[in-house]
PDB file of all heavy atoms in Angstrom:
ATOM      1  N   ASP A   1      -3.164   9.675   1.301  1.00  0.00           N
ATOM      2  CA  ASP A   1      -3.351   9.314  -0.122  1.00  0.00           C
ATOM      3  C   ASP A   1      -3.297   7.756  -0.167  1.00  0.00           C
ATOM      4  O   ASP A   1      -2.776   7.097   0.618  1.00  0.00           O
ATOM      5  CB  ASP A   1      -2.160   9.825  -0.905  1.00  0.00           C
ATOM      6  CG  ASP A   1      -2.237  11.276  -1.048  1.00  0.00           C
ATOM      7  OD1 ASP A   1      -3.205  11.935  -0.755  1.00  0.00           O
ATOM      8  OD2 ASP A   1      -1.223  11.940  -1.589  1.00  0.00           O
ATOM      9  N   LEU A   2      -4.028   7.279  -1.246  1.00  0.00           N
ATOM     10  CA  LEU A   2      -4.084   5.927  -1.559  1.00  0.00           C
ATOM     11  C   LEU A   2      -3.639   5.826  -3.033  1.00  0.00           C
ATOM     12  O   LEU A   2      -4.363   6.148  -3.933  1.00  0.00           O
ATOM     13  CB  LEU A   2      -5.392   5.299  -1.297  1.00  0.00           C
ATOM     14  CG  LEU A   2      -5.536   3.809  -1.516  1.00  0.00           C
ATOM     15  CD1 LEU A   2      -4.699   3.050  -0.483  1.00  0.00           C
ATOM     16  CD2 LEU A   2      -7.010   3.319  -1.576  1.00  0.00           C
ATOM     17  N   GLN A   3      -2.393   5.277  -3.348  1.00  0.00           N
ATOM     18  CA  GLN A   3      -2.093   5.150  -4.715  1.00  0.00           C
ATOM     19  C   GLN A   3      -2.432   3.673  -5.089  1.00  0.00           C
ATOM     20  O   GLN A   3      -2.158   2.683  -4.374  1.00  0.00           O
ATOM     21  CB  GLN A   3      -0.465   5.153  -4.750  1.00  0.00           C
ATOM     22  CG  GLN A   3       0.089   4.896  -6.070  1.00  0.00           C
ATOM     23  CD  GLN A   3      -0.312   5.898  -7.135  1.00  0.00           C
ATOM     24  OE1 GLN A   3      -0.386   7.038  -6.924  1.00  0.00           O
ATOM     25  NE2 GLN A   3      -0.760   5.430  -8.357  1.00  0.00           N
ATOM     26  N   MET A   4      -3.227   3.573  -6.159  1.00  0.00           N
ATOM     27  CA  MET A   4      -3.749   2.335  -6.589  1.00  0.00           C
ATOM     28  C   MET A   4      -3.242   1.977  -7.980  1.00  0.00           C
ATOM     29  O   MET A   4      -3.505   2.806  -8.890  1.00  0.00           O
ATOM     30  CB  MET A   4      -5.369   2.460  -6.623  1.00  0.00           C
ATOM     31  CG  MET A   4      -5.965   2.892  -5.269  1.00  0.00           C
ATOM     32  SD  MET A   4      -7.731   2.727  -5.235  1.00  0.00           S
ATOM     33  CE  MET A   4      -8.166   4.076  -6.426  1.00  0.00           C
ATOM     34  N   ASN A   5      -2.498   0.940  -8.033  1.00  0.00           N
ATOM     35  CA  ASN A   5      -2.058   0.468  -9.354  1.00  0.00           C
ATOM     36  C   ASN A   5      -2.592  -0.765  -9.696  1.00  0.00           C
ATOM     37  O   ASN A   5      -3.120  -1.593  -8.933  1.00  0.00           O
ATOM     38  CB  ASN A   5      -0.490   0.415  -9.135  1.00  0.00           C
ATOM     39  CG  ASN A   5       0.177   1.697  -8.793  1.00  0.00           C
ATOM     40  OD1 ASN A   5      -0.276   2.723  -9.260  1.00  0.00           O
ATOM     41  ND2 ASN A   5       1.244   1.585  -8.057  1.00  0.00           N
ATOM     42  N   ASN A   6      -2.437  -1.189 -10.986  1.00  0.00           N
ATOM     43  CA  ASN A   6      -2.933  -2.439 -11.482  1.00  0.00           C
ATOM     44  C   ASN A   6      -4.329  -2.646 -11.120  1.00  0.00           C
ATOM     45  O   ASN A   6      -4.765  -3.750 -10.564  1.00  0.00           O
ATOM     46  CB  ASN A   6      -2.026  -3.576 -11.162  1.00  0.00           C
ATOM     47  CG  ASN A   6      -2.290  -4.883 -11.815  1.00  0.00           C
ATOM     48  OD1 ASN A   6      -2.907  -4.921 -12.795  1.00  0.00           O
ATOM     49  ND2 ASN A   6      -1.958  -6.058 -11.199  1.00  0.00           N
ATOM     50  N   LEU A   7      -5.178  -1.582 -11.396  1.00  0.00           N
ATOM     51  CA  LEU A   7      -6.513  -1.835 -10.876  1.00  0.00           C
ATOM     52  C   LEU A   7      -7.314  -2.974 -11.584  1.00  0.00           C
ATOM     53  O   LEU A   7      -7.020  -3.121 -12.747  1.00  0.00           O
ATOM     54  CB  LEU A   7      -7.274  -0.477 -11.014  1.00  0.00           C
ATOM     55  CG  LEU A   7      -6.886   0.634  -9.973  1.00  0.00           C
ATOM     56  CD1 LEU A   7      -7.166   1.972 -10.428  1.00  0.00           C
ATOM     57  CD2 LEU A   7      -7.726   0.203  -8.697  1.00  0.00           C
ATOM     58  N   LYS A   8      -8.258  -3.480 -10.909  1.00  0.00           N
ATOM     59  CA  LYS A   8      -9.093  -4.670 -11.359  1.00  0.00           C
ATOM     60  C   LYS A   8     -10.497  -4.349 -11.373  1.00  0.00           C
ATOM     61  O   LYS A   8     -10.912  -3.446 -10.477  1.00  0.00           O
ATOM     62  CB  LYS A   8      -8.834  -5.909 -10.639  1.00  0.00           C
ATOM     63  CG  LYS A   8      -7.343  -6.253 -10.546  1.00  0.00           C
ATOM     64  CD  LYS A   8      -7.122  -7.550  -9.621  1.00  0.00           C
ATOM     65  CE  LYS A   8      -5.653  -7.839  -9.514  1.00  0.00           C
ATOM     66  NZ  LYS A   8      -5.481  -9.072  -8.705  1.00  0.00           N
ATOM     67  N   PRO A   9     -11.407  -4.806 -12.167  1.00  0.00           N
ATOM     68  CA  PRO A   9     -12.832  -4.549 -12.046  1.00  0.00           C
ATOM     69  C   PRO A   9     -13.346  -4.724 -10.705  1.00  0.00           C
ATOM     70  O   PRO A   9     -14.205  -3.966 -10.314  1.00  0.00           O
ATOM     71  CB  PRO A   9     -13.391  -5.503 -13.125  1.00  0.00           C
ATOM     72  CG  PRO A   9     -12.302  -5.839 -14.063  1.00  0.00           C
ATOM     73  CD  PRO A   9     -11.007  -5.758 -13.333  1.00  0.00           C
ATOM     74  N   GLU A  10     -12.904  -5.688  -9.960  1.00  0.00           N
ATOM     75  CA  GLU A  10     -13.321  -5.951  -8.630  1.00  0.00           C
ATOM     76  C   GLU A  10     -12.971  -4.882  -7.613  1.00  0.00           C
ATOM     77  O   GLU A  10     -13.436  -4.855  -6.455  1.00  0.00           O
ATOM     78  CB  GLU A  10     -12.917  -7.400  -8.083  1.00  0.00           C
ATOM     79  CG  GLU A  10     -11.446  -7.510  -8.215  1.00  0.00           C
ATOM     80  CD  GLU A  10     -10.970  -8.348  -9.400  1.00  0.00           C
ATOM     81  OE1 GLU A  10     -11.585  -8.072 -10.541  1.00  0.00           O
ATOM     82  OE2 GLU A  10     -10.240  -9.312  -9.376  1.00  0.00           O
ATOM     83  N   ASP A  11     -12.169  -3.989  -8.107  1.00  0.00           N
ATOM     84  CA  ASP A  11     -11.809  -2.709  -7.222  1.00  0.00           C
ATOM     85  C   ASP A  11     -12.844  -1.690  -7.321  1.00  0.00           C
ATOM     86  O   ASP A  11     -12.884  -0.598  -6.631  1.00  0.00           O
ATOM     87  CB  ASP A  11     -10.412  -2.176  -7.575  1.00  0.00           C
ATOM     88  CG  ASP A  11      -9.261  -3.146  -7.324  1.00  0.00           C
ATOM     89  OD1 ASP A  11      -9.278  -3.776  -6.132  1.00  0.00           O
ATOM     90  OD2 ASP A  11      -8.445  -3.127  -8.151  1.00  0.00           O
ATOM     91  N   THR A  12     -13.779  -1.778  -8.200  1.00  0.00           N
ATOM     92  CA  THR A  12     -14.897  -0.868  -8.341  1.00  0.00           C
ATOM     93  C   THR A  12     -15.685  -0.799  -7.069  1.00  0.00           C
ATOM     94  O   THR A  12     -16.236  -1.758  -6.459  1.00  0.00           O
ATOM     95  CB  THR A  12     -15.793  -1.313  -9.557  1.00  0.00           C
ATOM     96  OG1 THR A  12     -15.032  -1.268 -10.699  1.00  0.00           O
ATOM     97  CG2 THR A  12     -16.970  -0.249  -9.594  1.00  0.00           C
ATOM     98  N   ALA A  13     -15.871   0.512  -6.605  1.00  0.00           N
ATOM     99  CA  ALA A  13     -16.497   0.734  -5.357  1.00  0.00           C
ATOM    100  C   ALA A  13     -16.504   2.229  -5.042  1.00  0.00           C
ATOM    101  O   ALA A  13     -15.819   2.963  -5.690  1.00  0.00           O
ATOM    102  CB  ALA A  13     -15.839  -0.072  -4.143  1.00  0.00           C
ATOM    103  N   ILE A  14     -17.203   2.574  -3.969  1.00  0.00           N
ATOM    104  CA  ILE A  14     -17.070   3.935  -3.400  1.00  0.00           C
ATOM    105  C   ILE A  14     -15.989   3.827  -2.500  1.00  0.00           C
ATOM    106  O   ILE A  14     -16.181   2.915  -1.449  1.00  0.00           O
ATOM    107  CB  ILE A  14     -18.453   4.506  -2.821  1.00  0.00           C
ATOM    108  CG1 ILE A  14     -19.493   4.543  -3.936  1.00  0.00           C
ATOM    109  CG2 ILE A  14     -18.190   5.758  -2.277  1.00  0.00           C
ATOM    110  CD1 ILE A  14     -20.886   4.855  -3.412  1.00  0.00           C
ATOM    111  N   TYR A  15     -15.037   4.631  -2.353  1.00  0.00           N
ATOM    112  CA  TYR A  15     -13.971   4.659  -1.489  1.00  0.00           C
ATOM    113  C   TYR A  15     -14.199   5.792  -0.453  1.00  0.00           C
ATOM    114  O   TYR A  15     -14.448   6.975  -0.799  1.00  0.00           O
ATOM    115  CB  TYR A  15     -12.621   4.851  -2.221  1.00  0.00           C
ATOM    116  CG  TYR A  15     -12.213   3.608  -2.930  1.00  0.00           C
ATOM    117  CD1 TYR A  15     -12.875   3.101  -3.994  1.00  0.00           C
ATOM    118  CD2 TYR A  15     -11.094   2.766  -2.439  1.00  0.00           C
ATOM    119  CE1 TYR A  15     -12.481   1.973  -4.554  1.00  0.00           C
ATOM    120  CE2 TYR A  15     -10.810   1.681  -3.000  1.00  0.00           C
ATOM    121  CZ  TYR A  15     -11.390   1.164  -4.107  1.00  0.00           C
ATOM    122  OH  TYR A  15     -11.102  -0.043  -4.773  1.00  0.00           O
ATOM    123  N   TYR A  16     -13.986   5.509   0.881  1.00  0.00           N
ATOM    124  CA  TYR A  16     -14.198   6.489   1.861  1.00  0.00           C
ATOM    125  C   TYR A  16     -12.897   6.568   2.752  1.00  0.00           C
ATOM    126  O   TYR A  16     -12.282   5.565   2.998  1.00  0.00           O
ATOM    127  CB  TYR A  16     -15.312   5.972   2.845  1.00  0.00           C
ATOM    128  CG  TYR A  16     -16.764   5.869   2.174  1.00  0.00           C
ATOM    129  CD1 TYR A  16     -17.132   4.628   1.718  1.00  0.00           C
ATOM    130  CD2 TYR A  16     -17.529   6.917   2.176  1.00  0.00           C
ATOM    131  CE1 TYR A  16     -18.391   4.551   1.086  1.00  0.00           C
ATOM    132  CE2 TYR A  16     -18.783   6.753   1.623  1.00  0.00           C
ATOM    133  CZ  TYR A  16     -19.185   5.554   1.061  1.00  0.00           C
ATOM    134  OH  TYR A  16     -20.501   5.457   0.489  1.00  0.00           O
ATOM    135  N   CYS A  17     -12.645   7.816   3.060  1.00  0.00           N
ATOM    136  CA  CYS A  17     -11.531   8.131   3.908  1.00  0.00           C
ATOM    137  C   CYS A  17     -12.186   8.108   5.331  1.00  0.00           C
ATOM    138  O   CYS A  17     -13.140   8.553   5.589  1.00  0.00           O
ATOM    139  CB  CYS A  17     -10.970   9.469   3.597  1.00  0.00           C
ATOM    140  SG  CYS A  17      -9.681  10.144   4.596  1.00  0.00           S
ATOM    141  N   SER A  18     -11.384   7.570   6.364  1.00  0.00           N
ATOM    142  CA  SER A  18     -11.802   7.620   7.746  1.00  0.00           C
ATOM    143  C   SER A  18     -10.650   8.102   8.569  1.00  0.00           C
ATOM    144  O   SER A  18      -9.429   7.959   8.251  1.00  0.00           O
ATOM    145  CB  SER A  18     -12.181   6.297   8.253  1.00  0.00           C
ATOM    146  OG  SER A  18     -11.040   5.372   8.472  1.00  0.00           O
ATOM    147  N   ALA A  19     -10.983   8.699   9.776  1.00  0.00           N
ATOM    148  CA  ALA A  19     -10.114   9.190  10.769  1.00  0.00           C
ATOM    149  C   ALA A  19     -10.513   8.622  12.108  1.00  0.00           C
ATOM    150  O   ALA A  19     -11.679   8.817  12.476  1.00  0.00           O
ATOM    151  CB  ALA A  19      -9.980  10.702  10.795  1.00  0.00           C
ATOM    152  N   ARG A  20      -9.596   7.915  12.801  1.00  0.00           N
ATOM    153  CA  ARG A  20     -10.076   7.313  14.104  1.00  0.00           C
ATOM    154  C   ARG A  20      -9.085   7.811  15.186  1.00  0.00           C
ATOM    155  O   ARG A  20      -7.802   7.530  15.018  1.00  0.00           O
ATOM    156  CB  ARG A  20     -10.001   5.863  13.959  1.00  0.00           C
ATOM    157  CG  ARG A  20     -10.347   5.143  15.271  1.00  0.00           C
ATOM    158  CD  ARG A  20     -10.770   3.711  14.956  1.00  0.00           C
ATOM    159  NE  ARG A  20      -9.537   2.953  14.330  1.00  0.00           N
ATOM    160  CZ  ARG A  20      -8.474   2.489  14.871  1.00  0.00           C
ATOM    161  NH1 ARG A  20      -8.431   2.541  16.248  1.00  0.00           N
ATOM    162  NH2 ARG A  20      -7.628   1.879  14.251  1.00  0.00           N
ATOM    163  N   TYR A  21      -9.655   8.334  16.255  1.00  0.00           N
ATOM    164  CA  TYR A  21      -8.792   8.559  17.484  1.00  0.00           C
ATOM    165  C   TYR A  21      -9.789   8.196  18.616  1.00  0.00           C
ATOM    166  O   TYR A  21      -9.933   7.093  19.010  1.00  0.00           O
ATOM    167  CB  TYR A  21      -8.341   9.993  17.533  1.00  0.00           C
ATOM    168  CG  TYR A  21      -7.505  10.333  18.648  1.00  0.00           C
ATOM    169  CD1 TYR A  21      -6.446   9.546  19.024  1.00  0.00           C
ATOM    170  CD2 TYR A  21      -7.699  11.545  19.430  1.00  0.00           C
ATOM    171  CE1 TYR A  21      -5.702   9.957  20.108  1.00  0.00           C
ATOM    172  CE2 TYR A  21      -6.887  11.871  20.433  1.00  0.00           C
ATOM    173  CZ  TYR A  21      -5.901  11.066  20.922  1.00  0.00           C
ATOM    174  OH  TYR A  21      -5.087  11.382  21.862  1.00  0.00           O
ATOM    175  N   ARG A  22     -10.410   9.159  19.148  1.00  0.00           N
ATOM    176  CA  ARG A  22     -11.364   8.874  20.322  1.00  0.00           C
ATOM    177  C   ARG A  22     -12.732   8.496  19.564  1.00  0.00           C
ATOM    178  O   ARG A  22     -13.554   7.736  20.143  1.00  0.00           O
ATOM    179  CB  ARG A  22     -11.662  10.136  21.159  1.00  0.00           C
ATOM    180  CG  ARG A  22     -10.414  10.309  22.000  1.00  0.00           C
ATOM    181  CD  ARG A  22     -10.680  11.436  23.006  1.00  0.00           C
ATOM    182  NE  ARG A  22      -9.605  11.715  23.907  1.00  0.00           N
ATOM    183  CZ  ARG A  22      -8.652  12.668  23.737  1.00  0.00           C
ATOM    184  NH1 ARG A  22      -8.808  13.514  22.542  1.00  0.00           N
ATOM    185  NH2 ARG A  22      -7.728  12.907  24.443  1.00  0.00           N
ATOM    186  N   ASP A  23     -13.028   9.157  18.375  1.00  0.00           N
ATOM    187  CA  ASP A  23     -14.123   8.880  17.618  1.00  0.00           C
ATOM    188  C   ASP A  23     -13.726   8.521  16.143  1.00  0.00           C
ATOM    189  O   ASP A  23     -12.603   8.578  15.854  1.00  0.00           O
ATOM    190  CB  ASP A  23     -15.191  10.127  17.554  1.00  0.00           C
ATOM    191  CG  ASP A  23     -15.591  10.388  18.931  1.00  0.00           C
ATOM    192  OD1 ASP A  23     -16.351   9.483  19.477  1.00  0.00           O
ATOM    193  OD2 ASP A  23     -15.550  11.480  19.397  1.00  0.00           O
ATOM    194  N   VAL A  24     -14.691   8.081  15.363  1.00  0.00           N
ATOM    195  CA  VAL A  24     -14.408   7.822  14.014  1.00  0.00           C
ATOM    196  C   VAL A  24     -15.132   8.832  13.114  1.00  0.00           C
ATOM    197  O   VAL A  24     -16.293   9.053  13.312  1.00  0.00           O
ATOM    198  CB  VAL A  24     -14.815   6.356  13.579  1.00  0.00           C
ATOM    199  CG1 VAL A  24     -14.562   6.098  12.116  1.00  0.00           C
ATOM    200  CG2 VAL A  24     -14.140   5.377  14.560  1.00  0.00           C
ATOM    201  N   TYR A  25     -14.432   9.376  12.184  1.00  0.00           N
ATOM    202  CA  TYR A  25     -15.041  10.378  11.222  1.00  0.00           C
ATOM    203  C   TYR A  25     -14.901   9.797   9.799  1.00  0.00           C
ATOM    204  O   TYR A  25     -13.931   8.966   9.506  1.00  0.00           O
ATOM    205  CB  TYR A  25     -14.282  11.706  11.358  1.00  0.00           C
ATOM    206  CG  TYR A  25     -14.426  12.238  12.771  1.00  0.00           C
ATOM    207  CD1 TYR A  25     -13.430  11.954  13.656  1.00  0.00           C
ATOM    208  CD2 TYR A  25     -15.531  13.004  13.071  1.00  0.00           C
ATOM    209  CE1 TYR A  25     -13.594  12.535  14.937  1.00  0.00           C
ATOM    210  CE2 TYR A  25     -15.645  13.550  14.320  1.00  0.00           C
ATOM    211  CZ  TYR A  25     -14.663  13.280  15.254  1.00  0.00           C
ATOM    212  OH  TYR A  25     -14.759  13.799  16.595  1.00  0.00           O
ATOM    213  N   TRP A  26     -15.880  10.256   9.009  1.00  0.00           N
ATOM    214  CA  TRP A  26     -15.871   9.658   7.609  1.00  0.00           C
ATOM    215  C   TRP A  26     -15.893  10.840   6.630  1.00  0.00           C
ATOM    216  O   TRP A  26     -16.664  11.756   6.849  1.00  0.00           O
ATOM    217  CB  TRP A  26     -17.102   8.772   7.433  1.00  0.00           C
ATOM    218  CG  TRP A  26     -17.003   7.595   8.242  1.00  0.00           C
ATOM    219  CD1 TRP A  26     -17.489   7.418   9.538  1.00  0.00           C
ATOM    220  CD2 TRP A  26     -16.315   6.256   7.924  1.00  0.00           C
ATOM    221  NE1 TRP A  26     -17.167   6.074   9.974  1.00  0.00           N
ATOM    222  CE2 TRP A  26     -16.545   5.450   9.055  1.00  0.00           C
ATOM    223  CE3 TRP A  26     -15.641   5.874   6.815  1.00  0.00           C
ATOM    224  CZ2 TRP A  26     -15.980   4.109   9.014  1.00  0.00           C
ATOM    225  CZ3 TRP A  26     -15.135   4.541   6.807  1.00  0.00           C
ATOM    226  CH2 TRP A  26     -15.354   3.672   7.930  1.00  0.00           C
ATOM    227  N   GLY A  27     -15.383  10.682   5.421  1.00  0.00           N
ATOM    228  CA  GLY A  27     -15.647  11.421   4.285  1.00  0.00           C
ATOM    229  C   GLY A  27     -16.899  11.179   3.452  1.00  0.00           C
ATOM    230  O   GLY A  27     -17.539  10.137   3.922  1.00  0.00           O
ATOM    231  N   GLN A  28     -17.131  11.907   2.505  1.00  0.00           N
ATOM    232  CA  GLN A  28     -18.430  11.634   1.702  1.00  0.00           C
ATOM    233  C   GLN A  28     -18.286  10.459   0.751  1.00  0.00           C
ATOM    234  O   GLN A  28     -19.277  10.037   0.215  1.00  0.00           O
ATOM    235  CB  GLN A  28     -18.788  12.897   1.100  1.00  0.00           C
ATOM    236  CG  GLN A  28     -18.151  13.221  -0.298  1.00  0.00           C
ATOM    237  CD  GLN A  28     -16.623  13.750  -0.002  1.00  0.00           C
ATOM    238  OE1 GLN A  28     -16.177  13.983   1.040  1.00  0.00           O
ATOM    239  NE2 GLN A  28     -15.962  13.883  -1.202  1.00  0.00           N
ATOM    240  N   GLY A  29     -17.003  10.109   0.461  1.00  0.00           N
ATOM    241  CA  GLY A  29     -16.840   8.997  -0.527  1.00  0.00           C
ATOM    242  C   GLY A  29     -16.515   9.558  -1.876  1.00  0.00           C
ATOM    243  O   GLY A  29     -16.876  10.597  -2.350  1.00  0.00           O
ATOM    244  N   THR A  30     -15.675   8.770  -2.638  1.00  0.00           N
ATOM    245  CA  THR A  30     -15.415   8.972  -4.013  1.00  0.00           C
ATOM    246  C   THR A  30     -15.543   7.696  -4.870  1.00  0.00           C
ATOM    247  O   THR A  30     -15.066   6.668  -4.343  1.00  0.00           O
ATOM    248  CB  THR A  30     -13.983   9.647  -4.177  1.00  0.00           C
ATOM    249  OG1 THR A  30     -13.839  10.081  -5.536  1.00  0.00           O
ATOM    250  CG2 THR A  30     -12.968   8.680  -3.746  1.00  0.00           C
TER     251      THR A  30
END
């Protein structure tokens, strides 16, 4: 999870989850 407080306009973006071990995997973004 990512708890985001006191959000600012500059935080506007697509946020992606990633998992890294031997390879890197990505989610579809939110």
